Amino acid sequence: MIFFDASAAAKRYFREVGSERVQELWNRPENFASLEILRCELASILNRKLRERALTRDAYRALREQMQEDLPGLGAVPADSSLIEKASGLLELHPLKALDALYLAAALSLEQVLRSPVLFVSADRQLLRAARAEGLQVLDPEVV
């Protein structure tokens, strides 16, 4: 199972450092997952880029359509009360932002449920350090 946080998943849609590595991962036959809120985070990035005129209207529509095709195939871990409790505990152990702690809690919960390794993909070094400390396999798509 490959688990993407928003910093990594965004690289599927926007050309930036690490995009090629994310595309390689996306083309693998493995299953993908993320936190349920990923859809909202990607919509936020997409709309911000449109407002900042970093995207044309046509590019915006094409990327939105691509996201709508991709996201239903992504296993979505819900941010329920047990996940929020787990994330709150992680915040006591690691210097993370609240949303990053939720992504980490989701990946850890998924690994526990599946009883098999989860590859945690993120471009956030602080989050990767915490994920590694929690025993997850990690990958930074920006590092070759």
C-alpha atoms as a PDB file:
ATOM      1  CA  MET A   1       0.000   0.000   0.000  1.00  0.00           C
ATOM      2  CA  ILE A   2       1.258   3.454  -0.909  1.00  0.00           C
ATOM      3  CA  PHE A   3      -0.009   6.332   1.224  1.00  0.00           C
ATOM      4  CA  PHE A   4       0.255   9.897  -0.114  1.00  0.00           C
ATOM      5  CA  ASP A   5       0.047  13.076   1.916  1.00  0.00           C
ATOM      6  CA  ALA A   6      -1.106  16.242   0.126  1.00  0.00           C
ATOM      7  CA  SER A   7       2.433  17.496  -0.568  1.00  0.00           C
ATOM      8  CA  ALA A   8       3.174  14.324  -2.521  1.00  0.00           C
ATOM      9  CA  ALA A   9      -0.234  13.843  -4.173  1.00  0.00           C
ATOM     10  CA  ALA A  10      -0.154  17.407  -5.534  1.00  0.00           C
ATOM     11  CA  LYS A  11       2.944  16.463  -7.518  1.00  0.00           C
ATOM     12  CA  ARG A  12       0.728  14.245  -9.690  1.00  0.00           C
ATOM     13  CA  TYR A  13      -1.066  17.333 -10.981  1.00  0.00           C
ATOM     14  CA  PHE A  14       1.480  20.131 -10.840  1.00  0.00           C
ATOM     15  CA  ARG A  15       4.970  20.019 -12.365  1.00  0.00           C
ATOM     16  CA  GLU A  16       7.448  20.505  -9.559  1.00  0.00           C
ATOM     17  CA  VAL A  17      10.434  18.769  -8.043  1.00  0.00           C
ATOM     18  CA  GLY A  18       9.436  15.168  -7.391  1.00  0.00           C
ATOM     19  CA  SER A  19       6.589  15.010  -9.925  1.00  0.00           C
ATOM     20  CA  GLU A  20       8.309  12.343 -12.024  1.00  0.00           C
ATOM     21  CA  ARG A  21       8.807  10.104  -8.982  1.00  0.00           C
ATOM     22  CA  VAL A  22       5.153  10.482  -7.978  1.00  0.00           C
ATOM     23  CA  GLN A  23       4.077   9.586 -11.528  1.00  0.00           C
ATOM     24  CA  GLU A  24       6.229   6.445 -11.349  1.00  0.00           C
ATOM     25  CA  LEU A  25       4.578   5.449  -8.084  1.00  0.00           C
ATOM     26  CA  TRP A  26       1.113   6.242  -9.435  1.00  0.00           C
ATOM     27  CA  ASN A  27       1.697   3.939 -12.393  1.00  0.00           C
ATOM     28  CA  ARG A  28       2.555   0.972 -10.181  1.00  0.00           C
ATOM     29  CA  PRO A  29      -0.079  -1.726  -9.750  1.00  0.00           C
ATOM     30  CA  GLU A  30      -0.253  -1.229  -5.979  1.00  0.00           C
ATOM     31  CA  ASN A  31      -3.167   0.228  -4.065  1.00  0.00           C
ATOM     32  CA  PHE A  32      -3.090   3.854  -2.980  1.00  0.00           C
ATOM     33  CA  ALA A  33      -4.547   5.581   0.033  1.00  0.00           C
ATOM     34  CA  SER A  34      -4.645   8.942   1.740  1.00  0.00           C
ATOM     35  CA  LEU A  35      -6.548  10.860   4.345  1.00  0.00           C
ATOM     36  CA  GLU A  36     -10.130  11.571   3.276  1.00  0.00           C
ATOM     37  CA  ILE A  37      -9.479  15.322   3.390  1.00  0.00           C
ATOM     38  CA  LEU A  38      -6.999  15.042   0.492  1.00  0.00           C
ATOM     39  CA  ARG A  39      -9.807  15.889  -1.951  1.00  0.00           C
ATOM     40  CA  CYS A  40     -10.357  19.219  -0.163  1.00  0.00           C
ATOM     41  CA  GLU A  41      -6.630  19.981   0.037  1.00  0.00           C
ATOM     42  CA  LEU A  42      -6.145  19.352  -3.685  1.00  0.00           C
ATOM     43  CA  ALA A  43      -9.182  21.499  -4.512  1.00  0.00           C
ATOM     44  CA  SER A  44      -7.679  24.276  -2.398  1.00  0.00           C
ATOM     45  CA  ILE A  45      -4.342  24.094  -4.235  1.00  0.00           C
ATOM     46  CA  LEU A  46      -6.071  23.977  -7.623  1.00  0.00           C
ATOM     47  CA  ASN A  47      -8.259  27.001  -6.898  1.00  0.00           C
ATOM     48  CA  ARG A  48      -5.382  28.978  -5.395  1.00  0.00           C
ATOM     49  CA  LYS A  49      -3.330  28.400  -8.541  1.00  0.00           C
ATOM     50  CA  LEU A  50      -6.266  29.569 -10.659  1.00  0.00           C
ATOM     51  CA  ARG A  51      -6.693  32.743  -8.559  1.00  0.00           C
ATOM     52  CA  GLU A  52      -2.960  33.432  -8.779  1.00  0.00           C
ATOM     53  CA  ARG A  53      -3.181  32.955 -12.557  1.00  0.00           C
ATOM     54  CA  ALA A  54      -0.655  30.111 -12.429  1.00  0.00           C
ATOM     55  CA  LEU A  55      -3.241  28.068 -14.380  1.00  0.00           C
ATOM     56  CA  THR A  56      -5.431  28.872 -17.352  1.00  0.00           C
ATOM     57  CA  ARG A  57      -9.161  28.093 -17.121  1.00  0.00           C
ATOM     58  CA  ASP A  58      -8.651  25.182 -19.524  1.00  0.00           C
ATOM     59  CA  ALA A  59      -5.768  23.758 -17.456  1.00  0.00           C
ATOM     60  CA  TYR A  60      -7.886  24.188 -14.321  1.00  0.00           C
ATOM     61  CA  ARG A  61     -10.771  22.224 -15.857  1.00  0.00           C
ATOM     62  CA  ALA A  62      -8.465  19.478 -17.124  1.00  0.00           C
ATOM     63  CA  LEU A  63      -6.746  19.079 -13.750  1.00  0.00           C
ATOM     64  CA  ARG A  64     -10.057  19.131 -11.871  1.00  0.00           C
ATOM     65  CA  GLU A  65     -11.355  16.418 -14.186  1.00  0.00           C
ATOM     66  CA  GLN A  66      -8.197  14.341 -13.689  1.00  0.00           C
ATOM     67  CA  MET A  67      -8.571  14.654  -9.910  1.00  0.00           C
ATOM     68  CA  GLN A  68     -12.216  13.602 -10.122  1.00  0.00           C
ATOM     69  CA  GLU A  69     -11.137  10.496 -12.041  1.00  0.00           C
ATOM     70  CA  ASP A  70      -8.240   9.641  -9.712  1.00  0.00           C
ATOM     71  CA  LEU A  71      -9.638  10.237  -6.253  1.00  0.00           C
ATOM     72  CA  PRO A  72     -12.456   7.669  -6.183  1.00  0.00           C
ATOM     73  CA  GLY A  73      -9.806   4.967  -6.735  1.00  0.00           C
ATOM     74  CA  LEU A  74      -7.810   6.161  -3.755  1.00  0.00           C
ATOM     75  CA  GLY A  75      -8.537   4.459  -0.452  1.00  0.00           C
ATOM     76  CA  ALA A  76      -9.772   7.268   1.792  1.00  0.00           C
ATOM     77  CA  VAL A  77      -9.089   7.008   5.520  1.00  0.00           C
ATOM     78  CA  PRO A  78     -11.809   8.983   7.357  1.00  0.00           C
ATOM     79  CA  ALA A  79     -10.812  11.569   9.942  1.00  0.00           C
ATOM     80  CA  ASP A  80     -13.074  10.190  12.660  1.00  0.00           C
ATOM     81  CA  SER A  81     -12.787  10.726  16.407  1.00  0.00           C
ATOM     82  CA  SER A  82     -10.395   7.801  16.923  1.00  0.00           C
ATOM     83  CA  LEU A  83      -8.057   9.139  14.250  1.00  0.00           C
ATOM     84  CA  ILE A  84      -8.189  12.611  15.778  1.00  0.00           C
ATOM     85  CA  GLU A  85      -7.318  11.115  19.156  1.00  0.00           C
ATOM     86  CA  LYS A  86      -4.377   9.223  17.624  1.00  0.00           C
ATOM     87  CA  ALA A  87      -3.189  12.403  15.848  1.00  0.00           C
ATOM     88  CA  SER A  88      -3.418  14.360  19.109  1.00  0.00           C
ATOM     89  CA  GLY A  89      -1.125  11.803  20.738  1.00  0.00           C
ATOM     90  CA  LEU A  90       1.344  12.125  17.853  1.00  0.00           C
ATOM     91  CA  LEU A  91       1.422  15.889  18.405  1.00  0.00           C
ATOM     92  CA  GLU A  92       2.774  15.240  21.892  1.00  0.00           C
ATOM     93  CA  LEU A  93       5.627  13.173  20.433  1.00  0.00           C
ATOM     94  CA  HIS A  94       6.536  15.059  17.261  1.00  0.00           C
ATOM     95  CA  PRO A  95       6.700  18.742  16.200  1.00  0.00           C
ATOM     96  CA  LEU A  96       3.953  18.467  13.568  1.00  0.00           C
ATOM     97  CA  LYS A  97       1.129  20.621  12.284  1.00  0.00           C
ATOM     98  CA  ALA A  98      -2.340  19.297  13.101  1.00  0.00           C
ATOM     99  CA  LEU A  99      -3.136  18.189   9.553  1.00  0.00           C
ATOM    100  CA  ASP A 100       0.253  16.481   9.196  1.00  0.00           C
ATOM    101  CA  ALA A 101      -0.435  14.574  12.412  1.00  0.00           C
ATOM    102  CA  LEU A 102      -3.756  13.436  10.913  1.00  0.00           C
ATOM    103  CA  TYR A 103      -2.016  12.157   7.776  1.00  0.00           C
ATOM    104  CA  LEU A 104       0.507  10.282   9.895  1.00  0.00           C
ATOM    105  CA  ALA A 105      -2.195   8.853  12.144  1.00  0.00           C
ATOM    106  CA  ALA A 106      -4.124   7.702   9.075  1.00  0.00           C
ATOM    107  CA  ALA A 107      -1.109   5.896   7.616  1.00  0.00           C
ATOM    108  CA  LEU A 108      -0.323   4.237  10.953  1.00  0.00           C
ATOM    109  CA  SER A 109      -3.950   3.155  11.370  1.00  0.00           C
ATOM    110  CA  LEU A 110      -4.018   1.788   7.850  1.00  0.00           C
ATOM    111  CA  GLU A 111      -0.848  -0.219   8.438  1.00  0.00           C
ATOM    112  CA  GLN A 112      -2.350  -1.629  11.628  1.00  0.00           C
ATOM    113  CA  VAL A 113      -5.603  -2.621   9.900  1.00  0.00           C
ATOM    114  CA  LEU A 114      -3.865  -4.130   6.859  1.00  0.00           C
ATOM    115  CA  ARG A 115      -1.160  -5.809   8.940  1.00  0.00           C
ATOM    116  CA  SER A 116       1.258  -5.097   6.122  1.00  0.00           C
ATOM    117  CA  PRO A 117       3.738  -2.303   5.404  1.00  0.00           C
ATOM    118  CA  VAL A 118       2.546   1.075   4.179  1.00  0.00           C
ATOM    119  CA  LEU A 119       4.902   3.253   2.161  1.00  0.00           C
ATOM    120  CA  PHE A 120       4.387   6.812   3.405  1.00  0.00           C
ATOM    121  CA  VAL A 121       5.082   9.337   0.612  1.00  0.00           C
ATOM    122  CA  SER A 122       5.547  12.991   1.496  1.00  0.00           C
ATOM    123  CA  ALA A 123       7.704  15.959   0.513  1.00  0.00           C
ATOM    124  CA  ASP A 124       7.545  17.341   4.063  1.00  0.00           C
ATOM    125  CA  ARG A 125      10.817  16.471   5.794  1.00  0.00           C
ATOM    126  CA  GLN A 126       9.487  17.064   9.310  1.00  0.00           C
ATOM    127  CA  LEU A 127       6.559  14.756   8.638  1.00  0.00           C
ATOM    128  CA  LEU A 128       8.855  12.140   7.093  1.00  0.00           C
ATOM    129  CA  ARG A 129      11.061  12.203  10.212  1.00  0.00           C
ATOM    130  CA  ALA A 130       8.024  11.607  12.411  1.00  0.00           C
ATOM    131  CA  ALA A 131       6.734   8.823  10.127  1.00  0.00           C
ATOM    132  CA  ARG A 132      10.134   7.133  10.175  1.00  0.00           C
ATOM    133  CA  ALA A 133      10.289   7.443  13.976  1.00  0.00           C
ATOM    134  CA  GLU A 134       6.858   5.772  14.143  1.00  0.00           C
ATOM    135  CA  GLY A 135       8.173   2.827  12.118  1.00  0.00           C
ATOM    136  CA  LEU A 136       6.734   3.564   8.679  1.00  0.00           C
ATOM    137  CA  GLN A 137       8.641   3.057   5.470  1.00  0.00           C
ATOM    138  CA  VAL A 138       9.018   6.529   3.960  1.00  0.00           C
ATOM    139  CA  LEU A 139       9.773   8.048   0.588  1.00  0.00           C
ATOM    140  CA  ASP A 140      10.491  11.664  -0.261  1.00  0.00           C
ATOM    141  CA  PRO A 141       9.734  12.054  -3.990  1.00  0.00           C
ATOM    142  CA  GLU A 142      12.022  15.093  -4.121  1.00  0.00           C
ATOM    143  CA  VAL A 143      15.076  12.995  -3.241  1.00  0.00           C
ATOM    144  CA  VAL A 144      16.487  10.911  -6.085  1.00  0.00           C
END
